[in-house]
Amino acid sequence: MLILHCPYCGVDAEESELAPGGEAHLKRFGPGSSDEDFEAYMFARKNPKGVHFERWRHAYGCGKWFLAARCTATLEVFGTYKAQNPRPHPDIVAAVKAKRPGWEGWK
């Protein structure tokens, strides 16, 4: 079972307490954007096998959104951080690089 640490309330929450929110760090496009940009935002998502940055909501806890870095193949969690952060904490990036030497980095 996937267990993620909520950076807001400090709880290690099981997957059943959480709600997935999809890919993290997307550039959002809305009214006034081109059709191509809006289409890419709505429908084009990465679906990597390996390290992925995702949005999660602590639905049955504090209710806040947070971000997680995890491996989609092994469910290994490298860390979680608050949703307001524009990029992962350097400790999380270092943890990923330590376990995945060939990883090219986030974005």
N, C-alpha and C. Protein backbone atom coordinates (compact mmCIF):
# COMPACT_ATOMS: atom_id res chain seq x y z
N MET A 1 0.84 -1.18 0.00
CA MET A 1 0.00 0.00 0.00
C MET A 1 0.88 1.24 0.00
N LEU A 2 0.46 2.23 -0.72
CA LEU A 2 1.18 3.49 -0.81
C LEU A 2 0.92 4.31 0.46
N ILE A 3 1.98 4.78 1.08
CA ILE A 3 1.87 5.63 2.27
C ILE A 3 2.63 6.92 1.98
N LEU A 4 1.95 8.05 2.11
CA LEU A 4 2.55 9.36 1.87
C LEU A 4 2.48 10.21 3.13
N HIS A 5 3.52 10.98 3.37
CA HIS A 5 3.57 11.87 4.52
C HIS A 5 2.95 13.21 4.15
N CYS A 6 1.94 13.63 4.88
CA CYS A 6 1.31 14.93 4.62
C CYS A 6 2.20 16.01 5.23
N PRO A 7 2.74 16.93 4.41
CA PRO A 7 3.62 17.95 4.95
C PRO A 7 2.90 19.04 5.75
N TYR A 8 1.58 19.04 5.72
CA TYR A 8 0.82 20.03 6.46
C TYR A 8 0.49 19.58 7.88
N CYS A 9 -0.10 18.40 8.00
CA CYS A 9 -0.51 17.94 9.33
C CYS A 9 0.46 16.93 9.93
N GLY A 10 1.45 16.49 9.16
CA GLY A 10 2.48 15.62 9.69
C GLY A 10 2.10 14.15 9.81
N VAL A 11 1.00 13.75 9.21
CA VAL A 11 0.51 12.37 9.31
C VAL A 11 1.06 11.53 8.15
N ASP A 12 1.44 10.30 8.45
CA ASP A 12 1.76 9.34 7.39
C ASP A 12 0.44 8.69 6.99
N ALA A 13 -0.09 9.09 5.86
CA ALA A 13 -1.43 8.69 5.45
C ALA A 13 -1.38 7.54 4.45
N GLU A 14 -2.26 6.57 4.66
CA GLU A 14 -2.38 5.47 3.72
C GLU A 14 -3.13 5.95 2.48
N GLU A 15 -2.93 5.22 1.42
CA GLU A 15 -3.53 5.55 0.12
C GLU A 15 -5.04 5.76 0.21
N SER A 16 -5.71 5.01 1.08
CA SER A 16 -7.17 5.11 1.20
C SER A 16 -7.61 6.44 1.82
N GLU A 17 -6.70 7.18 2.46
CA GLU A 17 -7.02 8.48 3.05
C GLU A 17 -6.76 9.62 2.07
N LEU A 18 -6.20 9.30 0.92
CA LEU A 18 -5.75 10.31 -0.02
C LEU A 18 -6.57 10.28 -1.31
N ALA A 19 -6.55 11.40 -2.02
CA ALA A 19 -7.19 11.48 -3.34
C ALA A 19 -6.13 11.95 -4.34
N PRO A 20 -5.92 11.19 -5.42
CA PRO A 20 -4.92 11.59 -6.40
C PRO A 20 -5.38 12.78 -7.22
N GLY A 21 -4.42 13.61 -7.62
CA GLY A 21 -4.76 14.80 -8.39
C GLY A 21 -4.01 14.92 -9.70
N GLY A 22 -3.28 13.89 -10.07
CA GLY A 22 -2.59 13.90 -11.36
C GLY A 22 -1.20 14.50 -11.28
N GLU A 23 -0.68 14.82 -12.44
CA GLU A 23 0.68 15.31 -12.59
C GLU A 23 0.87 16.67 -11.90
N ALA A 24 2.00 16.84 -11.25
CA ALA A 24 2.32 18.10 -10.57
C ALA A 24 3.10 19.02 -11.51
N HIS A 25 3.18 20.27 -11.13
CA HIS A 25 3.99 21.29 -11.80
C HIS A 25 3.59 21.51 -13.26
N LEU A 26 2.30 21.50 -13.53
CA LEU A 26 1.82 21.79 -14.88
C LEU A 26 1.64 23.30 -15.04
N LYS A 27 1.92 23.79 -16.23
CA LYS A 27 1.58 25.18 -16.55
C LYS A 27 0.13 25.17 -17.00
N ARG A 28 -0.69 25.88 -16.27
CA ARG A 28 -2.12 25.86 -16.56
C ARG A 28 -2.48 26.92 -17.59
N PHE A 29 -3.39 26.55 -18.49
CA PHE A 29 -3.89 27.46 -19.52
C PHE A 29 -5.40 27.54 -19.38
N GLY A 30 -5.92 28.73 -19.48
CA GLY A 30 -7.36 28.91 -19.34
C GLY A 30 -7.89 29.88 -20.38
N PRO A 31 -8.88 30.69 -20.01
CA PRO A 31 -9.46 31.65 -20.94
C PRO A 31 -8.39 32.56 -21.53
N GLY A 32 -8.48 32.77 -22.83
CA GLY A 32 -7.53 33.63 -23.52
C GLY A 32 -6.33 32.90 -24.09
N SER A 33 -6.18 31.63 -23.77
CA SER A 33 -5.06 30.87 -24.33
C SER A 33 -5.45 30.30 -25.69
N SER A 34 -4.45 29.86 -26.41
CA SER A 34 -4.73 29.28 -27.72
C SER A 34 -5.38 27.91 -27.55
N ASP A 35 -6.07 27.47 -28.58
CA ASP A 35 -6.70 26.15 -28.53
C ASP A 35 -5.66 25.05 -28.33
N GLU A 36 -4.50 25.20 -28.96
CA GLU A 36 -3.45 24.18 -28.85
C GLU A 36 -2.91 24.10 -27.43
N ASP A 37 -2.67 25.27 -26.80
CA ASP A 37 -2.16 25.29 -25.42
C ASP A 37 -3.19 24.69 -24.46
N PHE A 38 -4.46 25.07 -24.64
CA PHE A 38 -5.50 24.54 -23.75
C PHE A 38 -5.67 23.03 -23.93
N GLU A 39 -5.64 22.58 -25.18
CA GLU A 39 -5.75 21.14 -25.44
C GLU A 39 -4.59 20.38 -24.81
N ALA A 40 -3.38 20.89 -24.95
CA ALA A 40 -2.20 20.23 -24.37
C ALA A 40 -2.32 20.19 -22.84
N TYR A 41 -2.80 21.27 -22.24
CA TYR A 41 -2.97 21.30 -20.78
C TYR A 41 -4.02 20.29 -20.32
N MET A 42 -5.12 20.22 -21.03
CA MET A 42 -6.21 19.33 -20.62
C MET A 42 -5.93 17.85 -20.84
N PHE A 43 -5.27 17.52 -21.95
CA PHE A 43 -5.21 16.12 -22.36
C PHE A 43 -3.82 15.50 -22.45
N ALA A 44 -2.79 16.29 -22.59
CA ALA A 44 -1.44 15.74 -22.76
C ALA A 44 -0.77 15.63 -21.40
N ARG A 45 -0.59 14.42 -20.92
CA ARG A 45 0.06 14.18 -19.64
C ARG A 45 1.17 13.18 -19.81
N LYS A 46 2.20 13.35 -18.99
CA LYS A 46 3.27 12.36 -18.97
C LYS A 46 2.74 11.15 -18.22
N ASN A 47 3.20 10.00 -18.60
CA ASN A 47 2.83 8.78 -17.90
C ASN A 47 4.08 7.91 -17.81
N PRO A 48 5.07 8.41 -17.07
CA PRO A 48 6.36 7.73 -17.09
C PRO A 48 6.38 6.46 -16.25
N LYS A 49 7.24 5.57 -16.66
CA LYS A 49 7.56 4.44 -15.80
C LYS A 49 8.83 4.87 -15.09
N GLY A 50 8.71 5.15 -13.82
CA GLY A 50 9.84 5.64 -13.07
C GLY A 50 9.43 6.82 -12.21
N VAL A 51 10.36 7.74 -12.00
CA VAL A 51 10.13 8.87 -11.11
C VAL A 51 9.10 9.82 -11.71
N HIS A 52 8.15 10.21 -10.87
CA HIS A 52 7.04 11.05 -11.30
C HIS A 52 6.67 11.98 -10.15
N PHE A 53 6.28 13.21 -10.48
CA PHE A 53 5.83 14.18 -9.48
C PHE A 53 4.32 14.32 -9.61
N GLU A 54 3.63 14.13 -8.49
CA GLU A 54 2.17 14.06 -8.51
C GLU A 54 1.55 14.96 -7.45
N ARG A 55 0.28 15.30 -7.67
CA ARG A 55 -0.53 16.04 -6.70
C ARG A 55 -1.38 15.04 -5.92
N TRP A 56 -1.48 15.24 -4.62
CA TRP A 56 -2.31 14.41 -3.76
C TRP A 56 -3.06 15.30 -2.78
N ARG A 57 -4.25 14.89 -2.41
CA ARG A 57 -5.04 15.62 -1.41
C ARG A 57 -5.26 14.70 -0.22
N HIS A 58 -5.00 15.23 0.98
CA HIS A 58 -5.23 14.46 2.20
C HIS A 58 -6.73 14.54 2.51
N ALA A 59 -7.50 13.81 1.74
CA ALA A 59 -8.96 13.92 1.74
C ALA A 59 -9.60 13.59 3.09
N TYR A 60 -9.11 12.57 3.77
CA TYR A 60 -9.69 12.18 5.05
C TYR A 60 -8.80 12.61 6.21
N GLY A 61 -8.15 13.75 6.02
CA GLY A 61 -7.28 14.33 7.05
C GLY A 61 -7.50 15.83 7.04
N CYS A 62 -6.41 16.56 6.81
CA CYS A 62 -6.49 18.02 6.84
C CYS A 62 -7.15 18.61 5.60
N GLY A 63 -7.28 17.81 4.52
CA GLY A 63 -7.96 18.27 3.31
C GLY A 63 -7.09 19.07 2.36
N LYS A 64 -5.82 19.25 2.68
CA LYS A 64 -4.96 20.08 1.84
C LYS A 64 -4.26 19.29 0.74
N TRP A 65 -3.95 20.00 -0.33
CA TRP A 65 -3.21 19.43 -1.45
C TRP A 65 -1.72 19.49 -1.16
N PHE A 66 -1.00 18.45 -1.54
CA PHE A 66 0.46 18.45 -1.45
C PHE A 66 1.02 17.70 -2.65
N LEU A 67 2.33 17.74 -2.81
CA LEU A 67 3.00 17.12 -3.94
C LEU A 67 3.91 16.00 -3.45
N ALA A 68 4.05 14.99 -4.28
CA ALA A 68 4.89 13.84 -3.93
C ALA A 68 5.76 13.44 -5.11
N ALA A 69 6.97 12.99 -4.80
CA ALA A 69 7.87 12.41 -5.79
C ALA A 69 7.92 10.92 -5.50
N ARG A 70 7.54 10.12 -6.49
CA ARG A 70 7.55 8.68 -6.28
C ARG A 70 7.86 7.95 -7.57
N CYS A 71 8.20 6.69 -7.45
CA CYS A 71 8.46 5.85 -8.61
C CYS A 71 7.17 5.11 -8.95
N THR A 72 6.71 5.24 -10.17
CA THR A 72 5.46 4.59 -10.56
C THR A 72 5.61 3.09 -10.73
N ALA A 73 6.83 2.61 -10.89
CA ALA A 73 7.04 1.18 -11.07
C ALA A 73 7.13 0.43 -9.75
N THR A 74 7.73 1.06 -8.73
CA THR A 74 7.97 0.37 -7.46
C THR A 74 7.15 0.93 -6.30
N LEU A 75 6.49 2.06 -6.49
CA LEU A 75 5.76 2.80 -5.46
C LEU A 75 6.66 3.39 -4.39
N GLU A 76 7.98 3.40 -4.63
CA GLU A 76 8.92 4.01 -3.69
C GLU A 76 8.67 5.52 -3.65
N VAL A 77 8.55 6.06 -2.45
CA VAL A 77 8.30 7.48 -2.26
C VAL A 77 9.62 8.16 -1.88
N PHE A 78 9.98 9.20 -2.63
CA PHE A 78 11.22 9.93 -2.37
C PHE A 78 10.99 11.12 -1.45
N GLY A 79 9.77 11.58 -1.36
CA GLY A 79 9.46 12.69 -0.47
C GLY A 79 8.18 13.39 -0.88
N THR A 80 7.68 14.19 0.04
CA THR A 80 6.49 15.00 -0.20
C THR A 80 6.82 16.44 0.18
N TYR A 81 6.07 17.38 -0.39
CA TYR A 81 6.29 18.78 -0.08
C TYR A 81 5.01 19.56 -0.35
N LYS A 82 4.95 20.76 0.20
CA LYS A 82 3.74 21.58 0.10
C LYS A 82 3.47 21.99 -1.34
N ALA A 83 2.20 22.09 -1.67
CA ALA A 83 1.77 22.37 -3.04
C ALA A 83 2.18 23.76 -3.54
N GLN A 84 2.46 24.67 -2.64
CA GLN A 84 2.83 26.02 -3.06
C GLN A 84 4.26 26.10 -3.58
N ASN A 85 5.06 25.07 -3.36
CA ASN A 85 6.44 25.08 -3.81
C ASN A 85 6.50 24.92 -5.33
N PRO A 86 7.21 25.80 -6.03
CA PRO A 86 7.27 25.71 -7.49
C PRO A 86 8.15 24.57 -7.99
N ARG A 87 8.97 24.01 -7.10
CA ARG A 87 9.85 22.90 -7.48
C ARG A 87 10.10 22.04 -6.25
N PRO A 88 10.53 20.81 -6.45
CA PRO A 88 10.79 19.94 -5.31
C PRO A 88 11.96 20.44 -4.47
N HIS A 89 11.93 20.13 -3.20
CA HIS A 89 13.00 20.49 -2.29
C HIS A 89 14.29 19.80 -2.75
N PRO A 90 15.44 20.46 -2.63
CA PRO A 90 16.70 19.84 -3.05
C PRO A 90 16.99 18.48 -2.40
N ASP A 91 16.50 18.27 -1.18
CA ASP A 91 16.70 16.97 -0.53
C ASP A 91 15.98 15.85 -1.28
N ILE A 92 14.81 16.17 -1.84
CA ILE A 92 14.05 15.17 -2.58
C ILE A 92 14.77 14.85 -3.89
N VAL A 93 15.25 15.89 -4.57
CA VAL A 93 15.99 15.68 -5.81
C VAL A 93 17.25 14.85 -5.54
N ALA A 94 17.94 15.14 -4.44
CA ALA A 94 19.14 14.37 -4.07
C ALA A 94 18.80 12.93 -3.77
N ALA A 95 17.66 12.69 -3.11
CA ALA A 95 17.24 11.31 -2.81
C ALA A 95 16.96 10.53 -4.08
N VAL A 96 16.33 11.18 -5.05
CA VAL A 96 16.05 10.51 -6.32
C VAL A 96 17.35 10.19 -7.04
N LYS A 97 18.26 11.16 -7.11
CA LYS A 97 19.53 10.96 -7.81
C LYS A 97 20.38 9.88 -7.14
N ALA A 98 20.28 9.78 -5.82
CA ALA A 98 21.05 8.75 -5.10
C ALA A 98 20.56 7.35 -5.45
N LYS A 99 19.26 7.19 -5.64
CA LYS A 99 18.69 5.88 -5.97
C LYS A 99 18.63 5.62 -7.46
N ARG A 100 18.60 6.66 -8.27
CA ARG A 100 18.51 6.54 -9.73
C ARG A 100 19.62 7.36 -10.37
N PRO A 101 20.85 6.85 -10.39
CA PRO A 101 22.00 7.63 -10.90
C PRO A 101 21.82 8.18 -12.31
N GLY A 102 21.08 7.51 -13.15
CA GLY A 102 20.90 7.98 -14.52
C GLY A 102 19.78 8.99 -14.69
N TRP A 103 19.08 9.29 -13.62
CA TRP A 103 17.94 10.22 -13.68
C TRP A 103 18.44 11.60 -14.07
N GLU A 104 17.80 12.22 -15.05
CA GLU A 104 18.25 13.49 -15.59
C GLU A 104 17.73 14.69 -14.85
N GLY A 105 16.93 14.49 -13.85
CA GLY A 105 16.41 15.62 -13.10
C GLY A 105 14.97 15.91 -13.43
N TRP A 106 14.40 16.71 -12.63
CA TRP A 106 13.00 17.08 -12.87
C TRP A 106 13.01 18.23 -13.86
N LYS A 107 12.16 18.13 -14.83
CA LYS A 107 11.98 19.10 -15.91
C LYS A 107 13.32 19.52 -16.44
